[in-house]
C-alpha atoms as a PDB file:
ATOM      1  CA  MET A   1      -0.079   0.114   0.000  1.00  0.00           C
ATOM      2  CA  MET A   2       2.975   2.472   0.806  1.00  0.00           C
ATOM      3  CA  LEU A   3       4.337   1.818  -2.291  1.00  0.00           C
ATOM      4  CA  LEU A   4       1.198   2.512  -4.255  1.00  0.00           C
ATOM      5  CA  LEU A   5       0.719   5.752  -2.421  1.00  0.00           C
ATOM      6  CA  ASN A   6       4.279   6.712  -3.040  1.00  0.00           C
ATOM      7  CA  LEU A   7       3.682   6.154  -6.853  1.00  0.00           C
ATOM      8  CA  LEU A   8       0.607   7.943  -7.009  1.00  0.00           C
ATOM      9  CA  PHE A   9       2.440  11.059  -5.302  1.00  0.00           C
ATOM     10  CA  VAL A  10       4.952  11.079  -7.610  1.00  0.00           C
ATOM     11  CA  ALA A  11       2.285  11.016 -10.752  1.00  0.00           C
ATOM     12  CA  THR A  12       0.827  13.800  -8.948  1.00  0.00           C
ATOM     13  CA  VAL A  13       3.815  15.971  -8.480  1.00  0.00           C
ATOM     14  CA  GLN A  14       5.163  15.359 -12.233  1.00  0.00           C
ATOM     15  CA  ALA A  15       1.267  16.090 -13.605  1.00  0.00           C
ATOM     16  CA  ALA A  16       1.313  19.437 -11.651  1.00  0.00           C
ATOM     17  CA  PRO A  17       1.309  22.376 -14.025  1.00  0.00           C
ATOM     18  CA  ALA A  18       4.629  24.221 -14.083  1.00  0.00           C
ATOM     19  CA  LYS A  19       3.846  27.948 -12.699  1.00  0.00           C
ATOM     20  CA  GLN A  20       7.390  29.111 -13.295  1.00  0.00           C
ATOM     21  CA  VAL A  21       9.394  28.617 -16.501  1.00  0.00           C
ATOM     22  CA  VAL A  22      12.509  29.401 -17.979  1.00  0.00           C
ATOM     23  CA  SER A  23      12.791  29.553 -21.567  1.00  0.00           C
ATOM     24  CA  LEU A  24      16.155  29.299 -23.241  1.00  0.00           C
ATOM     25  CA  ALA A  25      15.608  30.322 -26.900  1.00  0.00           C
ATOM     26  CA  PRO A  26      13.487  33.015 -28.367  1.00  0.00           C
ATOM     27  CA  ASN A  27      11.405  30.533 -30.191  1.00  0.00           C
ATOM     28  CA  LEU A  28      10.440  28.793 -27.409  1.00  0.00           C
ATOM     29  CA  THR A  29       9.249  31.743 -25.500  1.00  0.00           C
ATOM     30  CA  GLU A  30       7.129  32.520 -28.561  1.00  0.00           C
ATOM     31  CA  ILE A  31       5.488  29.294 -28.538  1.00  0.00           C
ATOM     32  CA  ALA A  32       5.237  29.201 -24.852  1.00  0.00           C
ATOM     33  CA  PHE A  33       2.930  32.708 -25.440  1.00  0.00           C
ATOM     34  CA  ALA A  34       1.054  31.068 -28.321  1.00  0.00           C
ATOM     35  CA  ALA A  35       0.147  27.806 -25.897  1.00  0.00           C
ATOM     36  CA  GLY A  36      -1.281  30.263 -23.599  1.00  0.00           C
ATOM     37  CA  ALA A  37       1.588  30.054 -21.162  1.00  0.00           C
ATOM     38  CA  GLY A  38       3.571  33.152 -21.662  1.00  0.00           C
ATOM     39  CA  SER A  39       2.503  34.575 -18.228  1.00  0.00           C
ATOM     40  CA  ARG A  40       4.334  31.530 -16.859  1.00  0.00           C
ATOM     41  CA  ILE A  41       7.748  32.733 -18.348  1.00  0.00           C
ATOM     42  CA  VAL A  42       9.680  34.115 -15.567  1.00  0.00           C
ATOM     43  CA  ALA A  43      12.843  34.452 -17.573  1.00  0.00           C
ATOM     44  CA  THR A  44      14.186  33.951 -21.165  1.00  0.00           C
ATOM     45  CA  VAL A  45      17.248  34.845 -23.404  1.00  0.00           C
ATOM     46  CA  GLU A  46      18.084  37.593 -25.884  1.00  0.00           C
ATOM     47  CA  PHE A  47      16.234  38.337 -29.051  1.00  0.00           C
ATOM     48  CA  SER A  48      12.822  37.167 -27.374  1.00  0.00           C
ATOM     49  CA  ASP A  49      11.057  39.774 -28.845  1.00  0.00           C
ATOM     50  CA  TYR A  50       7.341  38.226 -29.717  1.00  0.00           C
ATOM     51  CA  PRO A  51       4.828  38.893 -28.815  1.00  0.00           C
ATOM     52  CA  GLU A  52       5.466  42.419 -27.574  1.00  0.00           C
ATOM     53  CA  ALA A  53       5.041  41.161 -23.963  1.00  0.00           C
ATOM     54  CA  ALA A  54       7.810  38.898 -24.290  1.00  0.00           C
ATOM     55  CA  LYS A  55      10.160  42.098 -24.593  1.00  0.00           C
ATOM     56  CA  LYS A  56       9.468  42.843 -20.925  1.00  0.00           C
ATOM     57  CA  ILE A  57      10.812  39.234 -19.410  1.00  0.00           C
ATOM     58  CA  PRO A  58      13.981  39.309 -17.704  1.00  0.00           C
ATOM     59  CA  ARG A  59      17.243  37.990 -19.591  1.00  0.00           C
ATOM     60  CA  ILE A  60      19.498  34.978 -17.969  1.00  0.00           C
ATOM     61  CA  GLY A  61      21.769  34.875 -21.238  1.00  0.00           C
ATOM     62  CA  ASP A  62      21.747  34.378 -24.883  1.00  0.00           C
ATOM     63  CA  ALA A  63      21.917  31.210 -27.168  1.00  0.00           C
ATOM     64  CA  PHE A  64      25.336  29.926 -25.881  1.00  0.00           C
ATOM     65  CA  ARG A  65      25.792  31.976 -22.604  1.00  0.00           C
ATOM     66  CA  PHE A  66      23.584  31.568 -19.469  1.00  0.00           C
ATOM     67  CA  ASP A  67      23.460  33.025 -15.712  1.00  0.00           C
ATOM     68  CA  TYR A  68      23.272  29.602 -13.808  1.00  0.00           C
ATOM     69  CA  GLU A  69      22.983  31.331 -10.679  1.00  0.00           C
ATOM     70  CA  ARG A  70      20.084  33.631 -11.594  1.00  0.00           C
ATOM     71  CA  ILE A  71      18.285  30.664 -13.110  1.00  0.00           C
ATOM     72  CA  LEU A  72      18.738  28.437 -10.330  1.00  0.00           C
ATOM     73  CA  ALA A  73      17.570  31.362  -7.997  1.00  0.00           C
ATOM     74  CA  LEU A  74      14.421  31.683  -9.764  1.00  0.00           C
ATOM     75  CA  GLN A  75      13.716  28.007  -8.676  1.00  0.00           C
ATOM     76  CA  PRO A  76      11.884  27.231 -12.218  1.00  0.00           C
ATOM     77  CA  ASP A  77       9.322  24.196 -12.343  1.00  0.00           C
ATOM     78  CA  ALA A  78      10.397  23.660 -16.021  1.00  0.00           C
ATOM     79  CA  VAL A  79      13.372  25.204 -17.967  1.00  0.00           C
ATOM     80  CA  LEU A  80      12.542  24.876 -21.831  1.00  0.00           C
ATOM     81  CA  ALA A  81      15.678  23.759 -24.040  1.00  0.00           C
ATOM     82  CA  TRP A  82      15.668  23.957 -27.795  1.00  0.00           C
ATOM     83  CA  GLU A  83      16.770  21.027 -29.671  1.00  0.00           C
ATOM     84  CA  PRO A  84      18.841  21.383 -31.429  1.00  0.00           C
ATOM     85  CA  GLY A  85      19.696  24.825 -30.595  1.00  0.00           C
ATOM     86  CA  THR A  86      20.602  24.776 -26.880  1.00  0.00           C
ATOM     87  CA  PRO A  87      24.284  23.207 -26.475  1.00  0.00           C
ATOM     88  CA  ALA A  88      24.202  19.887 -24.755  1.00  0.00           C
ATOM     89  CA  GLU A  89      26.478  21.041 -22.254  1.00  0.00           C
ATOM     90  CA  VAL A  90      23.944  23.282 -21.232  1.00  0.00           C
ATOM     91  CA  VAL A  91      21.245  21.074 -20.614  1.00  0.00           C
ATOM     92  CA  GLU A  92      23.507  18.800 -18.623  1.00  0.00           C
ATOM     93  CA  ARG A  93      24.522  21.524 -16.319  1.00  0.00           C
ATOM     94  CA  LEU A  94      21.107  22.590 -15.679  1.00  0.00           C
ATOM     95  CA  ARG A  95      20.318  18.875 -14.784  1.00  0.00           C
ATOM     96  CA  ALA A  96      23.210  18.499 -12.589  1.00  0.00           C
ATOM     97  CA  LEU A  97      21.712  21.503 -10.661  1.00  0.00           C
ATOM     98  CA  LYS A  98      18.737  19.278 -10.196  1.00  0.00           C
ATOM     99  CA  LEU A  99      16.406  21.357 -12.600  1.00  0.00           C
ATOM    100  CA  ARG A 100      13.546  19.854 -14.848  1.00  0.00           C
ATOM    101  CA  VAL A 101      14.879  20.344 -18.256  1.00  0.00           C
ATOM    102  CA  VAL A 102      12.613  19.866 -20.862  1.00  0.00           C
ATOM    103  CA  THR A 103      14.276  19.428 -24.788  1.00  0.00           C
ATOM    104  CA  ILE A 104      11.614  20.763 -27.141  1.00  0.00           C
ATOM    105  CA  ARG A 105      12.386  19.791 -30.879  1.00  0.00           C
ATOM    106  CA  THR A 106      11.580  22.423 -33.473  1.00  0.00           C
ATOM    107  CA  GLN A 107      13.584  21.331 -36.468  1.00  0.00           C
ATOM    108  CA  HIS A 108      10.810  20.624 -38.749  1.00  0.00           C
ATOM    109  CA  LEU A 109       7.114  21.972 -39.332  1.00  0.00           C
ATOM    110  CA  GLN A 110       5.694  18.668 -37.800  1.00  0.00           C
ATOM    111  CA  ASP A 111       7.570  19.746 -34.674  1.00  0.00           C
ATOM    112  CA  ILE A 112       5.664  22.911 -34.026  1.00  0.00           C
ATOM    113  CA  ALA A 113       2.336  21.529 -33.355  1.00  0.00           C
ATOM    114  CA  VAL A 114       3.930  18.936 -31.223  1.00  0.00           C
ATOM    115  CA  ALA A 115       6.042  21.632 -29.398  1.00  0.00           C
ATOM    116  CA  VAL A 116       2.896  24.084 -28.801  1.00  0.00           C
ATOM    117  CA  ARG A 117       1.068  20.797 -27.423  1.00  0.00           C
ATOM    118  CA  GLU A 118       3.751  19.848 -25.165  1.00  0.00           C
ATOM    119  CA  ILE A 119       4.335  23.319 -23.672  1.00  0.00           C
ATOM    120  CA  GLY A 120       0.698  23.206 -23.013  1.00  0.00           C
ATOM    121  CA  ARG A 121       0.882  20.218 -21.145  1.00  0.00           C
ATOM    122  CA  ILE A 122       3.598  21.365 -19.206  1.00  0.00           C
ATOM    123  CA  ALA A 123       1.884  24.662 -18.107  1.00  0.00           C
ATOM    124  CA  GLY A 124      -1.543  22.857 -17.780  1.00  0.00           C
ATOM    125  CA  THR A 125      -2.871  25.296 -20.609  1.00  0.00           C
ATOM    126  CA  GLU A 126      -3.936  22.429 -23.161  1.00  0.00           C
ATOM    127  CA  SER A 127      -7.465  24.226 -23.547  1.00  0.00           C
ATOM    128  CA  VAL A 128      -5.240  27.187 -25.190  1.00  0.00           C
ATOM    129  CA  ALA A 129      -2.765  24.932 -26.811  1.00  0.00           C
ATOM    130  CA  ASN A 130      -4.364  22.416 -28.604  1.00  0.00           C
ATOM    131  CA  PRO A 131      -6.719  24.318 -30.863  1.00  0.00           C
ATOM    132  CA  VAL A 132      -3.532  26.499 -31.717  1.00  0.00           C
ATOM    133  CA  ALA A 133      -1.670  23.356 -32.421  1.00  0.00           C
ATOM    134  CA  ASP A 134      -4.737  22.021 -34.597  1.00  0.00           C
ATOM    135  CA  ASP A 135      -4.879  25.336 -36.277  1.00  0.00           C
ATOM    136  CA  PHE A 136      -1.016  25.555 -37.173  1.00  0.00           C
ATOM    137  CA  GLU A 137      -1.496  21.720 -38.723  1.00  0.00           C
ATOM    138  CA  ARG A 138      -4.355  22.668 -40.937  1.00  0.00           C
ATOM    139  CA  GLY A 139      -2.933  26.065 -42.278  1.00  0.00           C
ATOM    140  CA  ILE A 140       0.280  24.130 -43.436  1.00  0.00           C
ATOM    141  CA  GLY A 141      -1.648  21.255 -44.879  1.00  0.00           C
ATOM    142  CA  ARG A 142      -3.780  23.757 -46.941  1.00  0.00           C
ATOM    143  CA  LEU A 143      -0.513  25.481 -48.099  1.00  0.00           C
ATOM    144  CA  ARG A 144       1.006  22.113 -48.930  1.00  0.00           C
ATOM    145  CA  ALA A 145      -2.386  20.989 -50.841  1.00  0.00           C
ATOM    146  CA  GLU A 146      -2.740  24.143 -52.743  1.00  0.00           C
ATOM    147  CA  TYR A 147       0.822  25.077 -53.961  1.00  0.00           C
ATOM    148  CA  GLY A 148       2.890  21.772 -53.317  1.00  0.00           C
ATOM    149  CA  ARG A 149       2.351  20.402 -56.704  1.00  0.00           C
ATOM    150  CA  ARG A 150       2.712  23.186 -58.860  1.00  0.00           C
ATOM    151  CA  GLU A 151       5.593  24.000 -61.216  1.00  0.00           C
ATOM    152  CA  ILE A 152       8.755  23.502 -59.361  1.00  0.00           C
ATOM    153  CA  VAL A 153      10.535  27.074 -59.017  1.00  0.00           C
ATOM    154  CA  ASP A 154      14.493  26.816 -58.097  1.00  0.00           C
ATOM    155  CA  VAL A 155      15.220  29.243 -55.002  1.00  0.00           C
ATOM    156  CA  PHE A 156      18.145  30.657 -53.455  1.00  0.00           C
ATOM    157  CA  LEU A 157      17.668  31.596 -50.054  1.00  0.00           C
ATOM    158  CA  GLN A 158      19.932  34.299 -48.563  1.00  0.00           C
ATOM    159  CA  ILE A 159      20.287  34.664 -45.077  1.00  0.00           C
ATOM    160  CA  ASN A 160      23.194  36.680 -44.730  1.00  0.00           C
ATOM    161  CA  ASP A 161      24.757  39.039 -47.498  1.00  0.00           C
ATOM    162  CA  GLN A 162      28.567  39.494 -46.696  1.00  0.00           C
ATOM    163  CA  PRO A 163      29.752  36.955 -46.140  1.00  0.00           C
ATOM    164  CA  LEU A 164      27.145  35.174 -48.276  1.00  0.00           C
ATOM    165  CA  TYR A 165      25.180  32.434 -46.539  1.00  0.00           C
ATOM    166  CA  THR A 166      22.238  30.218 -47.322  1.00  0.00           C
ATOM    167  CA  VAL A 167      20.467  27.149 -45.830  1.00  0.00           C
ATOM    168  CA  ASN A 168      20.393  23.628 -46.688  1.00  0.00           C
ATOM    169  CA  GLY A 169      17.293  21.222 -47.092  1.00  0.00           C
ATOM    170  CA  ARG A 170      17.320  20.390 -43.546  1.00  0.00           C
ATOM    171  CA  GLN A 171      16.590  24.272 -42.429  1.00  0.00           C
ATOM    172  CA  ILE A 172      12.631  24.608 -41.902  1.00  0.00           C
ATOM    173  CA  MET A 173      13.032  27.331 -44.450  1.00  0.00           C
ATOM    174  CA  SER A 174      13.873  25.049 -46.994  1.00  0.00           C
ATOM    175  CA  GLU A 175      11.054  22.655 -45.944  1.00  0.00           C
ATOM    176  CA  LEU A 176       8.840  25.812 -46.307  1.00  0.00           C
ATOM    177  CA  VAL A 177       9.975  26.441 -49.702  1.00  0.00           C
ATOM    178  CA  GLU A 178       9.073  22.788 -50.601  1.00  0.00           C
ATOM    179  CA  ILE A 179       5.589  23.122 -49.397  1.00  0.00           C
ATOM    180  CA  CYS A 180       5.075  25.912 -51.564  1.00  0.00           C
ATOM    181  CA  GLY A 181       6.300  24.195 -54.822  1.00  0.00           C
ATOM    182  CA  GLY A 182      10.055  25.509 -54.506  1.00  0.00           C
ATOM    183  CA  ARG A 183      13.136  23.631 -54.294  1.00  0.00           C
ATOM    184  CA  ASN A 184      16.378  25.002 -52.539  1.00  0.00           C
ATOM    185  CA  VAL A 185      19.251  25.139 -55.108  1.00  0.00           C
ATOM    186  CA  PHE A 186      21.747  24.349 -52.003  1.00  0.00           C
ATOM    187  CA  GLY A 187      19.429  21.972 -50.538  1.00  0.00           C
ATOM    188  CA  ALA A 188      21.879  19.013 -50.688  1.00  0.00           C
ATOM    189  CA  LEU A 189      24.845  20.677 -48.981  1.00  0.00           C
ATOM    190  CA  ASN A 190      25.783  19.191 -45.882  1.00  0.00           C
ATOM    191  CA  ASP A 191      26.073  22.241 -43.587  1.00  0.00           C
ATOM    192  CA  LEU A 192      22.506  23.485 -42.048  1.00  0.00           C
ATOM    193  CA  ALA A 193      23.839  27.346 -43.002  1.00  0.00           C
ATOM    194  CA  PRO A 194      26.743  27.113 -45.393  1.00  0.00           C
ATOM    195  CA  GLN A 195      28.726  29.890 -46.834  1.00  0.00           C
ATOM    196  CA  VAL A 196      28.530  30.076 -50.371  1.00  0.00           C
ATOM    197  CA  GLY A 197      30.198  32.195 -53.244  1.00  0.00           C
ATOM    198  CA  VAL A 198      28.740  34.455 -55.718  1.00  0.00           C
ATOM    199  CA  GLU A 199      30.061  32.317 -58.413  1.00  0.00           C
ATOM    200  CA  ALA A 200      28.023  29.209 -56.796  1.00  0.00           C
ATOM    201  CA  VAL A 201      24.577  31.222 -57.003  1.00  0.00           C
ATOM    202  CA  ILE A 202      25.074  32.250 -60.704  1.00  0.00           C
ATOM    203  CA  ALA A 203      25.949  28.561 -61.409  1.00  0.00           C
ATOM    204  CA  ALA A 204      22.899  27.520 -59.756  1.00  0.00           C
ATOM    205  CA  ASN A 205      20.951  29.947 -61.911  1.00  0.00           C
ATOM    206  CA  PRO A 206      17.751  29.883 -59.465  1.00  0.00           C
ATOM    207  CA  GLY A 207      14.579  31.128 -60.659  1.00  0.00           C
ATOM    208  CA  ALA A 208      14.043  33.237 -57.732  1.00  0.00           C
ATOM    209  CA  ILE A 209      16.149  34.928 -54.856  1.00  0.00           C
ATOM    210  CA  ILE A 210      14.450  35.326 -51.292  1.00  0.00           C
ATOM    211  CA  SER A 211      16.598  37.410 -48.843  1.00  0.00           C
ATOM    212  CA  THR A 212      15.992  38.030 -45.467  1.00  0.00           C
ATOM    213  CA  GLY A 213      17.982  41.299 -45.449  1.00  0.00           C
ATOM    214  CA  SER A 214      17.034  44.754 -46.573  1.00  0.00           C
ATOM    215  CA  ALA A 215      16.377  46.066 -49.890  1.00  0.00           C
ATOM    216  CA  ASP A 216      19.408  48.736 -49.484  1.00  0.00           C
ATOM    217  CA  SER A 217      21.940  45.956 -48.665  1.00  0.00           C
ATOM    218  CA  PRO A 218      24.723  45.581 -51.103  1.00  0.00           C
ATOM    219  CA  GLY A 219      24.615  42.170 -50.484  1.00  0.00           C
ATOM    220  CA  TYR A 220      20.919  41.805 -52.071  1.00  0.00           C
ATOM    221  CA  THR A 221      21.414  44.561 -54.898  1.00  0.00           C
ATOM    222  CA  GLN A 222      24.404  43.076 -56.242  1.00  0.00           C
ATOM    223  CA  TRP A 223      22.364  40.531 -58.162  1.00  0.00           C
ATOM    224  CA  GLN A 224      21.210  43.232 -60.522  1.00  0.00           C
ATOM    225  CA  ARG A 225      24.658  42.796 -62.124  1.00  0.00           C
ATOM    226  CA  TRP A 226      24.201  39.435 -63.314  1.00  0.00           C
ATOM    227  CA  ARG A 227      21.460  39.723 -65.914  1.00  0.00           C
ATOM    228  CA  GLN A 228      22.052  36.278 -67.051  1.00  0.00           C
ATOM    229  CA  MET A 229      20.409  34.590 -64.109  1.00  0.00           C
ATOM    230  CA  ARG A 230      16.972  33.512 -64.545  1.00  0.00           C
ATOM    231  CA  ALA A 231      15.867  35.165 -61.059  1.00  0.00           C
ATOM    232  CA  VAL A 232      17.187  38.623 -62.140  1.00  0.00           C
ATOM    233  CA  SER A 233      16.208  38.763 -65.769  1.00  0.00           C
ATOM    234  CA  ALA A 234      12.590  37.830 -64.523  1.00  0.00           C
ATOM    235  CA  GLY A 235      12.621  40.322 -62.127  1.00  0.00           C
ATOM    236  CA  ASN A 236      12.431  37.460 -59.244  1.00  0.00           C
ATOM    237  CA  LEU A 237      14.172  39.114 -56.088  1.00  0.00           C
ATOM    238  CA  PHE A 238      12.203  39.193 -53.277  1.00  0.00           C
ATOM    239  CA  LEU A 239      12.450  40.428 -49.421  1.00  0.00           C
ATOM    240  CA  LEU A 240      10.860  38.201 -46.572  1.00  0.00           C
ATOM    241  CA  PRO A 241      10.827  38.699 -43.030  1.00  0.00           C
ATOM    242  CA  PRO A 242      13.024  36.453 -41.368  1.00  0.00           C
ATOM    243  CA  GLU A 243      11.039  36.029 -37.999  1.00  0.00           C
ATOM    244  CA  GLU A 244       8.169  34.868 -40.302  1.00  0.00           C
ATOM    245  CA  ILE A 245       9.908  32.170 -42.408  1.00  0.00           C
ATOM    246  CA  ALA A 246      12.911  31.381 -40.229  1.00  0.00           C
ATOM    247  CA  ARG A 247      12.124  31.241 -36.633  1.00  0.00           C
ATOM    248  CA  SER A 248      10.216  27.801 -35.754  1.00  0.00           C
ATOM    249  CA  THR A 249       7.144  28.666 -34.120  1.00  0.00           C
ATOM    250  CA  PRO A 250       3.157  29.020 -35.212  1.00  0.00           C
ATOM    251  CA  ARG A 251       3.809  32.064 -37.505  1.00  0.00           C
ATOM    252  CA  LEU A 252       5.347  30.255 -39.811  1.00  0.00           C
ATOM    253  CA  VAL A 253       1.962  29.741 -41.343  1.00  0.00           C
ATOM    254  CA  ALA A 254       1.748  33.326 -41.959  1.00  0.00           C
ATOM    255  CA  GLY A 255       5.313  33.232 -43.592  1.00  0.00           C
ATOM    256  CA  GLY A 256       4.243  30.244 -45.532  1.00  0.00           C
ATOM    257  CA  GLU A 257       1.575  32.089 -47.173  1.00  0.00           C
ATOM    258  CA  LYS A 258       3.863  35.120 -47.790  1.00  0.00           C
ATOM    259  CA  MET A 259       6.322  32.228 -49.314  1.00  0.00           C
ATOM    260  CA  CYS A 260       3.813  30.534 -51.276  1.00  0.00           C
ATOM    261  CA  ARG A 261       2.329  33.938 -52.670  1.00  0.00           C
ATOM    262  CA  THR A 262       6.057  34.813 -53.609  1.00  0.00           C
ATOM    263  CA  LEU A 263       6.738  31.627 -55.444  1.00  0.00           C
ATOM    264  CA  GLN A 264       3.597  32.059 -57.231  1.00  0.00           C
ATOM    265  CA  THR A 265       4.610  35.447 -58.517  1.00  0.00           C
ATOM    266  CA  ALA A 266       8.212  34.057 -59.480  1.00  0.00           C
ATOM    267  CA  ARG A 267       6.255  31.122 -61.362  1.00  0.00           C
ATOM    268  CA  GLU A 268       4.383  33.528 -63.401  1.00  0.00           C
ATOM    269  CA  ARG A 269       7.180  36.097 -63.965  1.00  0.00           C
ATOM    270  CA  LEU A 270       9.487  32.947 -65.245  1.00  0.00           C
ATOM    271  CA  SER A 271       6.482  31.869 -67.596  1.00  0.00           C
ATOM    272  CA  ARG A 272       6.297  35.502 -69.268  1.00  0.00           C
ATOM    273  CA  SER A 273      10.174  35.629 -69.600  1.00  0.00           C
ATOM    274  CA  ASN A 274      10.260  32.169 -71.323  1.00  0.00           C
END
């Protein structure tokens, strides 16, 4: 009987909603707000800037450096770590401090809804989190059904200008391109965010260039010099907001809608220029 009571007690403690949560990544902070658990976040990291309320949360570090003493002093019920973004040694050290660390995976689109539901379960806000997760899955499914089988557009994703960086096929931006009927021209590279040369982009001859930079950036305007590229000759140079197409949160549905409309515009311009 005593063993049964102990097991029931442990199960009850584990099931208790987390009242104080520390988030170790901006996207997890945003997901927590989407899951109805924003008020439970007592500390987070730099660049946690959405929604507006997230900007007011105390900071305990950035992506790689953390104030362990402050985290411990907060006595959080749960610490949210980002897989694969939070370094493994950080997770190990926090667990060595006897803190409950929950790793949340957000590498692929299908992970986002799972993350929303998981954080909702941790915080006891399932009534908010589950409908948000359902809406996300429906939104991504709708985009895939509407655009996924249209004529393929070869895309160069430009995430930094000088030096020039892109993403490979394992990055969530690339997956967003795919559901919109596009193909990342550097999708087969090994590094998640590889550095590439201008010559490599010219050789790949993408039908569209999508940048997360600014319109007046030299790295973006430079493409006008190479009129032989299909993207340039067709007028397919585009800017999209990085927070909507690169950050792994429910806002990827809104970013996906912009991505899909952008690639449809590129498709139509390429058709006219042929």
